[in-house]
């Protein structure tokens, strides 16, 4: 809860709805409100004197998230057995 002795600033901004929903799911799991999460972001930025992540970290995180989303739609084969692995490699229909 905000300290009533400290002047507060109010922000209003728009986000992509899908992004907002994805983040809300994560915040719910972490038991954080958007205000608490944004306050944490501002605190980290103020302490570091810069954004608490780099553009390259953000790019890698986006790529990983896209890969994880894509993987959900792919069949999963158990390829621990060498014979199964070879059969998979030999089957042209298994090329994705």
PDB file of N, CA and C in Angstrom:
ATOM      1  N   UNK A   1       0.840  -1.181   0.000  1.00  0.00           N
ATOM      2  CA  UNK A   1       0.000   0.000   0.000  1.00  0.00           C
ATOM      3  C   UNK A   1       0.884   1.242   0.000  1.00  0.00           C
ATOM      4  N   UNK A   2       0.452   2.247  -0.693  1.00  0.00           N
ATOM      5  CA  UNK A   2       1.225   3.481  -0.825  1.00  0.00           C
ATOM      6  C   UNK A   2       1.307   4.202   0.515  1.00  0.00           C
ATOM      7  N   UNK A   3       2.460   4.793   0.751  1.00  0.00           N
ATOM      8  CA  UNK A   3       2.679   5.580   1.948  1.00  0.00           C
ATOM      9  C   UNK A   3       2.003   6.932   1.742  1.00  0.00           C
ATOM     10  N   UNK A   4       1.022   7.316   2.586  1.00  0.00           N
ATOM     11  CA  UNK A   4       0.305   8.587   2.393  1.00  0.00           C
ATOM     12  C   UNK A   4       1.195   9.817   2.592  1.00  0.00           C
ATOM     13  N   UNK A   5       2.362   9.642   3.210  1.00  0.00           N
ATOM     14  CA  UNK A   5       3.265  10.769   3.441  1.00  0.00           C
ATOM     15  C   UNK A   5       4.144  11.074   2.220  1.00  0.00           C
ATOM     16  N   UNK A   6       4.164  10.166   1.261  1.00  0.00           N
ATOM     17  CA  UNK A   6       4.990  10.354   0.062  1.00  0.00           C
ATOM     18  C   UNK A   6       4.087  10.745  -1.100  1.00  0.00           C
ATOM     19  N   UNK A   7       4.391  11.861  -1.756  1.00  0.00           N
ATOM     20  CA  UNK A   7       3.557  12.257  -2.905  1.00  0.00           C
ATOM     21  C   UNK A   7       3.533  11.147  -3.957  1.00  0.00           C
ATOM     22  N   UNK A   8       2.374  10.924  -4.524  1.00  0.00           N
ATOM     23  CA  UNK A   8       2.192   9.851  -5.501  1.00  0.00           C
ATOM     24  C   UNK A   8       2.045  10.424  -6.906  1.00  0.00           C
ATOM     25  N   UNK A   9       2.417   9.624  -7.871  1.00  0.00           N
ATOM     26  CA  UNK A   9       2.268   9.970  -9.282  1.00  0.00           C
ATOM     27  C   UNK A   9       1.325   8.934  -9.890  1.00  0.00           C
ATOM     28  N   UNK A  10       0.411   9.383 -10.721  1.00  0.00           N
ATOM     29  CA  UNK A  10      -0.526   8.481 -11.384  1.00  0.00           C
ATOM     30  C   UNK A  10      -0.171   8.399 -12.865  1.00  0.00           C
ATOM     31  N   UNK A  11      -0.140   7.179 -13.389  1.00  0.00           N
ATOM     32  CA  UNK A  11       0.161   6.947 -14.801  1.00  0.00           C
ATOM     33  C   UNK A  11      -1.028   6.281 -15.460  1.00  0.00           C
ATOM     34  N   UNK A  12      -1.234   6.617 -16.704  1.00  0.00           N
ATOM     35  CA  UNK A  12      -2.250   5.949 -17.508  1.00  0.00           C
ATOM     36  C   UNK A  12      -1.599   5.623 -18.848  1.00  0.00           C
ATOM     37  N   UNK A  13      -1.681   4.371 -19.257  1.00  0.00           N
ATOM     38  CA  UNK A  13      -1.065   3.974 -20.518  1.00  0.00           C
ATOM     39  C   UNK A  13      -1.839   2.809 -21.109  1.00  0.00           C
ATOM     40  N   UNK A  14      -1.597   2.566 -22.375  1.00  0.00           N
ATOM     41  CA  UNK A  14      -2.271   1.479 -23.084  1.00  0.00           C
ATOM     42  C   UNK A  14      -1.260   0.392 -23.431  1.00  0.00           C
ATOM     43  N   UNK A  15      -1.726  -0.854 -23.364  1.00  0.00           N
ATOM     44  CA  UNK A  15      -0.916  -2.015 -23.713  1.00  0.00           C
ATOM     45  C   UNK A  15      -1.699  -2.915 -24.648  1.00  0.00           C
ATOM     46  N   UNK A  16      -0.963  -3.684 -25.418  1.00  0.00           N
ATOM     47  CA  UNK A  16      -1.574  -4.736 -26.212  1.00  0.00           C
ATOM     48  C   UNK A  16      -2.349  -5.651 -25.254  1.00  0.00           C
ATOM     49  N   UNK A  17      -3.594  -5.918 -25.559  1.00  0.00           N
ATOM     50  CA  UNK A  17      -4.456  -6.690 -24.655  1.00  0.00           C
ATOM     51  C   UNK A  17      -3.878  -8.075 -24.361  1.00  0.00           C
ATOM     52  N   UNK A  18      -3.362  -8.731 -25.393  1.00  0.00           N
ATOM     53  CA  UNK A  18      -2.801 -10.068 -25.212  1.00  0.00           C
ATOM     54  C   UNK A  18      -1.604 -10.034 -24.259  1.00  0.00           C
ATOM     55  N   UNK A  19      -0.746  -9.037 -24.424  1.00  0.00           N
ATOM     56  CA  UNK A  19       0.400  -8.881 -23.531  1.00  0.00           C
ATOM     57  C   UNK A  19      -0.076  -8.638 -22.102  1.00  0.00           C
ATOM     58  N   UNK A  20      -1.055  -7.771 -21.942  1.00  0.00           N
ATOM     59  CA  UNK A  20      -1.578  -7.465 -20.603  1.00  0.00           C
ATOM     60  C   UNK A  20      -2.146  -8.721 -19.939  1.00  0.00           C
ATOM     61  N   UNK A  21      -2.850  -9.541 -20.707  1.00  0.00           N
ATOM     62  CA  UNK A  21      -3.417 -10.771 -20.158  1.00  0.00           C
ATOM     63  C   UNK A  21      -2.327 -11.768 -19.780  1.00  0.00           C
ATOM     64  N   UNK A  22      -1.308 -11.890 -20.646  1.00  0.00           N
ATOM     65  CA  UNK A  22      -0.196 -12.799 -20.342  1.00  0.00           C
ATOM     66  C   UNK A  22       0.506 -12.385 -19.057  1.00  0.00           C
ATOM     67  N   UNK A  23       0.751 -11.083 -18.926  1.00  0.00           N
ATOM     68  CA  UNK A  23       1.447 -10.590 -17.734  1.00  0.00           C
ATOM     69  C   UNK A  23       0.558 -10.731 -16.500  1.00  0.00           C
ATOM     70  N   UNK A  24      -0.735 -10.479 -16.640  1.00  0.00           N
ATOM     71  CA  UNK A  24      -1.633 -10.616 -15.494  1.00  0.00           C
ATOM     72  C   UNK A  24      -1.634 -12.045 -14.970  1.00  0.00           C
ATOM     73  N   UNK A  25      -1.561 -13.018 -15.869  1.00  0.00           N
ATOM     74  CA  UNK A  25      -1.492 -14.428 -15.462  1.00  0.00           C
ATOM     75  C   UNK A  25      -0.247 -14.670 -14.611  1.00  0.00           C
ATOM     76  N   UNK A  26       0.871 -14.100 -15.038  1.00  0.00           N
ATOM     77  CA  UNK A  26       2.122 -14.252 -14.286  1.00  0.00           C
ATOM     78  C   UNK A  26       2.034 -13.530 -12.943  1.00  0.00           C
ATOM     79  N   UNK A  27       1.496 -12.317 -12.951  1.00  0.00           N
ATOM     80  CA  UNK A  27       1.370 -11.559 -11.704  1.00  0.00           C
ATOM     81  C   UNK A  27       0.452 -12.271 -10.723  1.00  0.00           C
ATOM     82  N   UNK A  28      -0.625 -12.872 -11.221  1.00  0.00           N
ATOM     83  CA  UNK A  28      -1.520 -13.631 -10.341  1.00  0.00           C
ATOM     84  C   UNK A  28      -0.766 -14.783  -9.678  1.00  0.00           C
ATOM     85  N   UNK A  29       0.058 -15.482 -10.480  1.00  0.00           N
ATOM     86  CA  UNK A  29       0.834 -16.602  -9.948  1.00  0.00           C
ATOM     87  C   UNK A  29       1.825 -16.122  -8.889  1.00  0.00           C
ATOM     88  N   UNK A  30       2.362 -14.904  -9.078  1.00  0.00           N
ATOM     89  CA  UNK A  30       3.327 -14.343  -8.131  1.00  0.00           C
ATOM     90  C   UNK A  30       2.665 -13.572  -6.997  1.00  0.00           C
ATOM     91  N   UNK A  31       1.338 -13.493  -7.041  1.00  0.00           N
ATOM     92  CA  UNK A  31       0.571 -12.767  -6.032  1.00  0.00           C
ATOM     93  C   UNK A  31       0.996 -11.293  -5.966  1.00  0.00           C
ATOM     94  N   UNK A  32       1.159 -10.688  -7.162  1.00  0.00           N
ATOM     95  CA  UNK A  32       1.507  -9.269  -7.262  1.00  0.00           C
ATOM     96  C   UNK A  32       0.431  -8.526  -8.037  1.00  0.00           C
ATOM     97  N   UNK A  33       0.235  -7.279  -7.685  1.00  0.00           N
ATOM     98  CA  UNK A  33      -0.654  -6.420  -8.465  1.00  0.00           C
ATOM     99  C   UNK A  33       0.182  -5.740  -9.549  1.00  0.00           C
ATOM    100  N   UNK A  34      -0.450  -5.237 -10.606  1.00  0.00           N
ATOM    101  CA  UNK A  34       0.297  -4.480 -11.603  1.00  0.00           C
ATOM    102  C   UNK A  34       1.047  -3.295 -10.976  1.00  0.00           C
ATOM    103  N   UNK A  35       0.431  -2.627 -10.039  1.00  0.00           N
ATOM    104  CA  UNK A  35       1.087  -1.497  -9.377  1.00  0.00           C
ATOM    105  C   UNK A  35       2.353  -1.948  -8.659  1.00  0.00           C
ATOM    106  N   UNK A  36       2.282  -3.067  -7.952  1.00  0.00           N
ATOM    107  CA  UNK A  36       3.470  -3.569  -7.252  1.00  0.00           C
ATOM    108  C   UNK A  36       4.573  -3.939  -8.245  1.00  0.00           C
ATOM    109  N   UNK A  37       4.200  -4.587  -9.353  1.00  0.00           N
ATOM    110  CA  UNK A  37       5.195  -4.999 -10.347  1.00  0.00           C
ATOM    111  C   UNK A  37       5.844  -3.782 -11.007  1.00  0.00           C
ATOM    112  N   UNK A  38       5.044  -2.795 -11.351  1.00  0.00           N
ATOM    113  CA  UNK A  38       5.587  -1.594 -11.983  1.00  0.00           C
ATOM    114  C   UNK A  38       6.460  -0.830 -10.993  1.00  0.00           C
ATOM    115  N   UNK A  39       6.071  -0.789  -9.739  1.00  0.00           N
ATOM    116  CA  UNK A  39       6.889  -0.139  -8.710  1.00  0.00           C
ATOM    117  C   UNK A  39       8.232  -0.842  -8.586  1.00  0.00           C
ATOM    118  N   UNK A  40       8.221  -2.184  -8.620  1.00  0.00           N
ATOM    119  CA  UNK A  40       9.474  -2.938  -8.559  1.00  0.00           C
ATOM    120  C   UNK A  40      10.361  -2.609  -9.770  1.00  0.00           C
ATOM    121  N   UNK A  41       9.747  -2.520 -10.950  1.00  0.00           N
ATOM    122  CA  UNK A  41      10.489  -2.164 -12.159  1.00  0.00           C
ATOM    123  C   UNK A  41      11.121  -0.781 -11.998  1.00  0.00           C
ATOM    124  N   UNK A  42      10.361   0.177 -11.526  1.00  0.00           N
ATOM    125  CA  UNK A  42      10.883   1.536 -11.328  1.00  0.00           C
ATOM    126  C   UNK A  42      12.004   1.541 -10.296  1.00  0.00           C
ATOM    127  N   UNK A  43      11.846   0.786  -9.195  1.00  0.00           N
ATOM    128  CA  UNK A  43      12.886   0.737  -8.171  1.00  0.00           C
ATOM    129  C   UNK A  43      14.180   0.156  -8.733  1.00  0.00           C
ATOM    130  N   UNK A  44      14.071  -0.938  -9.512  1.00  0.00           N
ATOM    131  CA  UNK A  44      15.264  -1.548 -10.121  1.00  0.00           C
ATOM    132  C   UNK A  44      15.924  -0.592 -11.104  1.00  0.00           C
ATOM    133  N   UNK A  45      15.120   0.098 -11.891  1.00  0.00           N
ATOM    134  CA  UNK A  45      15.651   1.052 -12.860  1.00  0.00           C
ATOM    135  C   UNK A  45      16.366   2.188 -12.139  1.00  0.00           C
ATOM    136  N   UNK A  46      15.768   2.707 -11.069  1.00  0.00           N
ATOM    137  CA  UNK A  46      16.377   3.803 -10.313  1.00  0.00           C
ATOM    138  C   UNK A  46      17.688   3.359  -9.663  1.00  0.00           C
ATOM    139  N   UNK A  47      17.711   2.153  -9.098  1.00  0.00           N
ATOM    140  CA  UNK A  47      18.930   1.668  -8.447  1.00  0.00           C
ATOM    141  C   UNK A  47      20.048   1.430  -9.455  1.00  0.00           C
ATOM    142  N   UNK A  48      19.706   0.905 -10.631  1.00  0.00           N
ATOM    143  CA  UNK A  48      20.721   0.587 -11.640  1.00  0.00           C
ATOM    144  C   UNK A  48      21.128   1.814 -12.456  1.00  0.00           C
ATOM    145  N   UNK A  49      20.279   2.818 -12.484  1.00  0.00           N
ATOM    146  CA  UNK A  49      20.553   3.983 -13.310  1.00  0.00           C
ATOM    147  C   UNK A  49      20.350   3.704 -14.791  1.00  0.00           C
ATOM    148  N   UNK A  50      19.688   2.618 -15.077  1.00  0.00           N
ATOM    149  CA  UNK A  50      19.379   2.206 -16.452  1.00  0.00           C
ATOM    150  C   UNK A  50      18.314   1.121 -16.378  1.00  0.00           C
ATOM    151  N   UNK A  51      17.829   0.709 -17.537  1.00  0.00           N
ATOM    152  CA  UNK A  51      16.853  -0.374 -17.527  1.00  0.00           C
ATOM    153  C   UNK A  51      17.489  -1.624 -16.912  1.00  0.00           C
ATOM    154  N   UNK A  52      16.726  -2.407 -16.153  1.00  0.00           N
ATOM    155  CA  UNK A  52      17.306  -3.588 -15.497  1.00  0.00           C
ATOM    156  C   UNK A  52      17.492  -4.775 -16.443  1.00  0.00           C
ATOM    157  N   UNK A  53      17.423  -4.545 -17.736  1.00  0.00           N
ATOM    158  CA  UNK A  53      17.667  -5.580 -18.738  1.00  0.00           C
ATOM    159  C   UNK A  53      18.115  -4.872 -20.014  1.00  0.00           C
ATOM    160  N   UNK A  54      18.801  -5.607 -20.864  1.00  0.00           N
ATOM    161  CA  UNK A  54      19.285  -5.015 -22.107  1.00  0.00           C
ATOM    162  C   UNK A  54      18.366  -5.398 -23.259  1.00  0.00           C
ATOM    163  N   UNK A  55      18.541  -4.701 -24.374  1.00  0.00           N
ATOM    164  CA  UNK A  55      17.772  -5.036 -25.575  1.00  0.00           C
ATOM    165  C   UNK A  55      18.031  -6.479 -25.996  1.00  0.00           C
ATOM    166  N   UNK A  56      19.289  -6.923 -25.892  1.00  0.00           N
ATOM    167  CA  UNK A  56      19.609  -8.292 -26.301  1.00  0.00           C
ATOM    168  C   UNK A  56      18.944  -9.306 -25.372  1.00  0.00           C
ATOM    169  N   UNK A  57      18.860  -9.013 -24.076  1.00  0.00           N
ATOM    170  CA  UNK A  57      18.160  -9.914 -23.156  1.00  0.00           C
ATOM    171  C   UNK A  57      16.682  -9.985 -23.509  1.00  0.00           C
ATOM    172  N   UNK A  58      16.098  -8.842 -23.847  1.00  0.00           N
ATOM    173  CA  UNK A  58      14.689  -8.812 -24.219  1.00  0.00           C
ATOM    174  C   UNK A  58      14.468  -9.589 -25.508  1.00  0.00           C
ATOM    175  N   UNK A  59      15.370  -9.423 -26.482  1.00  0.00           N
ATOM    176  CA  UNK A  59      15.251 -10.163 -27.741  1.00  0.00           C
ATOM    177  C   UNK A  59      15.346 -11.662 -27.512  1.00  0.00           C
ATOM    178  N   UNK A  60      16.284 -12.085 -26.658  1.00  0.00           N
ATOM    179  CA  UNK A  60      16.419 -13.523 -26.355  1.00  0.00           C
ATOM    180  C   UNK A  60      15.176 -14.045 -25.634  1.00  0.00           C
ATOM    181  N   UNK A  61      14.641 -13.259 -24.714  1.00  0.00           N
ATOM    182  CA  UNK A  61      13.445 -13.677 -23.983  1.00  0.00           C
ATOM    183  C   UNK A  61      12.254 -13.810 -24.925  1.00  0.00           C
ATOM    184  N   UNK A  62      12.116 -12.864 -25.868  1.00  0.00           N
ATOM    185  CA  UNK A  62      11.028 -12.943 -26.847  1.00  0.00           C
ATOM    186  C   UNK A  62      11.182 -14.182 -27.719  1.00  0.00           C
ATOM    187  N   UNK A  63      12.404 -14.444 -28.174  1.00  0.00           N
ATOM    188  CA  UNK A  63      12.649 -15.619 -29.013  1.00  0.00           C
ATOM    189  C   UNK A  63      12.343 -16.905 -28.260  1.00  0.00           C
ATOM    190  N   UNK A  64      12.730 -16.975 -27.006  1.00  0.00           N
ATOM    191  CA  UNK A  64      12.452 -18.157 -26.194  1.00  0.00           C
ATOM    192  C   UNK A  64      10.953 -18.339 -26.014  1.00  0.00           C
ATOM    193  N   UNK A  65      10.238 -17.262 -25.735  1.00  0.00           N
ATOM    194  CA  UNK A  65       8.784 -17.339 -25.557  1.00  0.00           C
ATOM    195  C   UNK A  65       8.107 -17.818 -26.845  1.00  0.00           C
ATOM    196  N   UNK A  66       8.562 -17.322 -27.988  1.00  0.00           N
ATOM    197  CA  UNK A  66       7.995 -17.758 -29.272  1.00  0.00           C
ATOM    198  C   UNK A  66       8.274 -19.238 -29.503  1.00  0.00           C
ATOM    199  N   UNK A  67       9.475 -19.684 -29.181  1.00  0.00           N
ATOM    200  CA  UNK A  67       9.832 -21.088 -29.328  1.00  0.00           C
ATOM    201  C   UNK A  67       8.970 -21.964 -28.421  1.00  0.00           C
ATOM    202  N   UNK A  68       8.768 -21.521 -27.184  1.00  0.00           N
ATOM    203  CA  UNK A  68       7.948 -22.290 -26.252  1.00  0.00           C
ATOM    204  C   UNK A  68       6.503 -22.379 -26.730  1.00  0.00           C
ATOM    205  N   UNK A  69       5.974 -21.269 -27.275  1.00  0.00           N
ATOM    206  CA  UNK A  69       4.603 -21.300 -27.814  1.00  0.00           C
ATOM    207  C   UNK A  69       4.510 -22.246 -29.003  1.00  0.00           C
ATOM    208  N   UNK A  70       5.507 -22.206 -29.887  1.00  0.00           N
ATOM    209  CA  UNK A  70       5.512 -23.070 -31.064  1.00  0.00           C
ATOM    210  C   UNK A  70       5.638 -24.536 -30.668  1.00  0.00           C
ATOM    211  N   UNK A  71       6.423 -24.815 -29.644  1.00  0.00           N
ATOM    212  CA  UNK A  71       6.641 -26.197 -29.215  1.00  0.00           C
ATOM    213  C   UNK A  71       5.361 -26.838 -28.682  1.00  0.00           C
ATOM    214  N   UNK A  72       4.450 -26.018 -28.164  1.00  0.00           N
ATOM    215  CA  UNK A  72       3.199 -26.567 -27.631  1.00  0.00           C
ATOM    216  C   UNK A  72       2.349 -27.219 -28.707  1.00  0.00           C
ATOM    217  N   UNK A  73       2.541 -26.830 -29.967  1.00  0.00           N
ATOM    218  CA  UNK A  73       1.721 -27.370 -31.050  1.00  0.00           C
ATOM    219  C   UNK A  73       2.414 -28.503 -31.791  1.00  0.00           C
ATOM    220  N   UNK A  74       3.607 -28.852 -31.380  1.00  0.00           N
ATOM    221  CA  UNK A  74       4.360 -29.910 -32.043  1.00  0.00           C
ATOM    222  C   UNK A  74       4.189 -31.218 -31.290  1.00  0.00           C
ATOM    223  N   UNK A  75       4.130 -32.340 -32.041  1.00  0.00           N
ATOM    224  CA  UNK A  75       4.074 -33.631 -31.353  1.00  0.00           C
ATOM    225  C   UNK A  75       5.399 -33.901 -30.636  1.00  0.00           C
ATOM    226  N   UNK A  76       5.312 -34.627 -29.559  1.00  0.00           N
ATOM    227  CA  UNK A  76       6.506 -34.956 -28.792  1.00  0.00           C
ATOM    228  C   UNK A  76       6.760 -36.445 -28.936  1.00  0.00           C
ATOM    229  N   UNK A  77       7.957 -36.780 -29.404  1.00  0.00           N
ATOM    230  CA  UNK A  77       8.358 -38.172 -29.561  1.00  0.00           C
ATOM    231  C   UNK A  77       9.396 -38.508 -28.499  1.00  0.00           C
ATOM    232  N   UNK A  78       9.270 -39.709 -27.921  1.00  0.00           N
ATOM    233  CA  UNK A  78      10.271 -40.189 -26.972  1.00  0.00           C
ATOM    234  C   UNK A  78      11.392 -40.816 -27.788  1.00  0.00           C
ATOM    235  N   UNK A  79      12.521 -40.146 -27.839  1.00  0.00           N
ATOM    236  CA  UNK A  79      13.632 -40.606 -28.668  1.00  0.00           C
ATOM    237  C   UNK A  79      14.815 -41.068 -27.815  1.00  0.00           C
ATOM    238  N   UNK A  80      14.530 -41.569 -26.625  1.00  0.00           N
ATOM    239  CA  UNK A  80      15.595 -42.063 -25.753  1.00  0.00           C
ATOM    240  C   UNK A  80      16.158 -43.396 -26.233  1.00  0.00           C
ATOM    241  N   UNK A  81      15.357 -44.156 -26.941  1.00  0.00           N
ATOM    242  CA  UNK A  81      15.780 -45.460 -27.461  1.00  0.00           C
ATOM    243  C   UNK A  81      16.500 -45.232 -28.797  1.00  0.00           C
ATOM    244  N   UNK A  82      17.726 -45.753 -28.972  1.00  0.00           N
ATOM    245  CA  UNK A  82      18.458 -45.537 -30.224  1.00  0.00           C
ATOM    246  C   UNK A  82      17.690 -46.000 -31.474  1.00  0.00           C
ATOM    247  N   UNK A  83      16.943 -47.082 -31.367  1.00  0.00           N
ATOM    248  CA  UNK A  83      16.179 -47.562 -32.522  1.00  0.00           C
ATOM    249  C   UNK A  83      15.060 -46.572 -32.872  1.00  0.00           C
ATOM    250  N   UNK A  84      14.384 -46.034 -31.862  1.00  0.00           N
ATOM    251  CA  UNK A  84      13.336 -45.036 -32.114  1.00  0.00           C
ATOM    252  C   UNK A  84      13.921 -43.769 -32.723  1.00  0.00           C
ATOM    253  N   UNK A  85      15.070 -43.371 -32.231  1.00  0.00           N
ATOM    254  CA  UNK A  85      15.731 -42.185 -32.767  1.00  0.00           C
ATOM    255  C   UNK A  85      16.083 -42.389 -34.239  1.00  0.00           C
ATOM    256  N   UNK A  86      16.642 -43.546 -34.560  1.00  0.00           N
ATOM    257  CA  UNK A  86      17.024 -43.810 -35.949  1.00  0.00           C
ATOM    258  C   UNK A  86      15.796 -43.866 -36.845  1.00  0.00           C
ATOM    259  N   UNK A  87      14.720 -44.483 -36.368  1.00  0.00           N
ATOM    260  CA  UNK A  87      13.480 -44.548 -37.149  1.00  0.00           C
ATOM    261  C   UNK A  87      12.940 -43.148 -37.407  1.00  0.00           C
ATOM    262  N   UNK A  88      13.014 -42.297 -36.398  1.00  0.00           N
ATOM    263  CA  UNK A  88      12.552 -40.912 -36.548  1.00  0.00           C
ATOM    264  C   UNK A  88      13.411 -40.169 -37.564  1.00  0.00           C
ATOM    265  N   UNK A  89      14.727 -40.342 -37.472  1.00  0.00           N
ATOM    266  CA  UNK A  89      15.638 -39.677 -38.404  1.00  0.00           C
ATOM    267  C   UNK A  89      15.428 -40.155 -39.844  1.00  0.00           C
ATOM    268  N   UNK A  90      15.095 -41.438 -40.005  1.00  0.00           N
ATOM    269  CA  UNK A  90      14.919 -42.016 -41.334  1.00  0.00           C
ATOM    270  C   UNK A  90      13.573 -41.688 -41.969  1.00  0.00           C
ATOM    271  N   UNK A  91      12.607 -41.244 -41.193  1.00  0.00           N
ATOM    272  CA  UNK A  91      11.268 -40.986 -41.698  1.00  0.00           C
ATOM    273  C   UNK A  91      11.154 -39.534 -42.176  1.00  0.00           C
ATOM    274  N   UNK A  92      11.006 -39.314 -43.496  1.00  0.00           N
ATOM    275  CA  UNK A  92      10.909 -37.946 -44.003  1.00  0.00           C
ATOM    276  C   UNK A  92       9.637 -37.227 -43.542  1.00  0.00           C
ATOM    277  N   UNK A  93       8.627 -37.972 -43.133  1.00  0.00           N
ATOM    278  CA  UNK A  93       7.387 -37.343 -42.665  1.00  0.00           C
ATOM    279  C   UNK A  93       7.568 -36.691 -41.292  1.00  0.00           C
ATOM    280  N   UNK A  94       8.658 -37.041 -40.602  1.00  0.00           N
ATOM    281  CA  UNK A  94       8.896 -36.474 -39.282  1.00  0.00           C
ATOM    282  C   UNK A  94       9.692 -35.171 -39.335  1.00  0.00           C
ATOM    283  N   UNK A  95      10.004 -34.701 -40.521  1.00  0.00           N
ATOM    284  CA  UNK A  95      10.692 -33.406 -40.649  1.00  0.00           C
ATOM    285  C   UNK A  95       9.668 -32.306 -40.456  1.00  0.00           C
ATOM    286  N   UNK A  96       9.944 -31.397 -39.545  1.00  0.00           N
ATOM    287  CA  UNK A  96       8.993 -30.334 -39.253  1.00  0.00           C
ATOM    288  C   UNK A  96       9.410 -29.067 -39.946  1.00  0.00           C
TER     289      UNK A  96
END
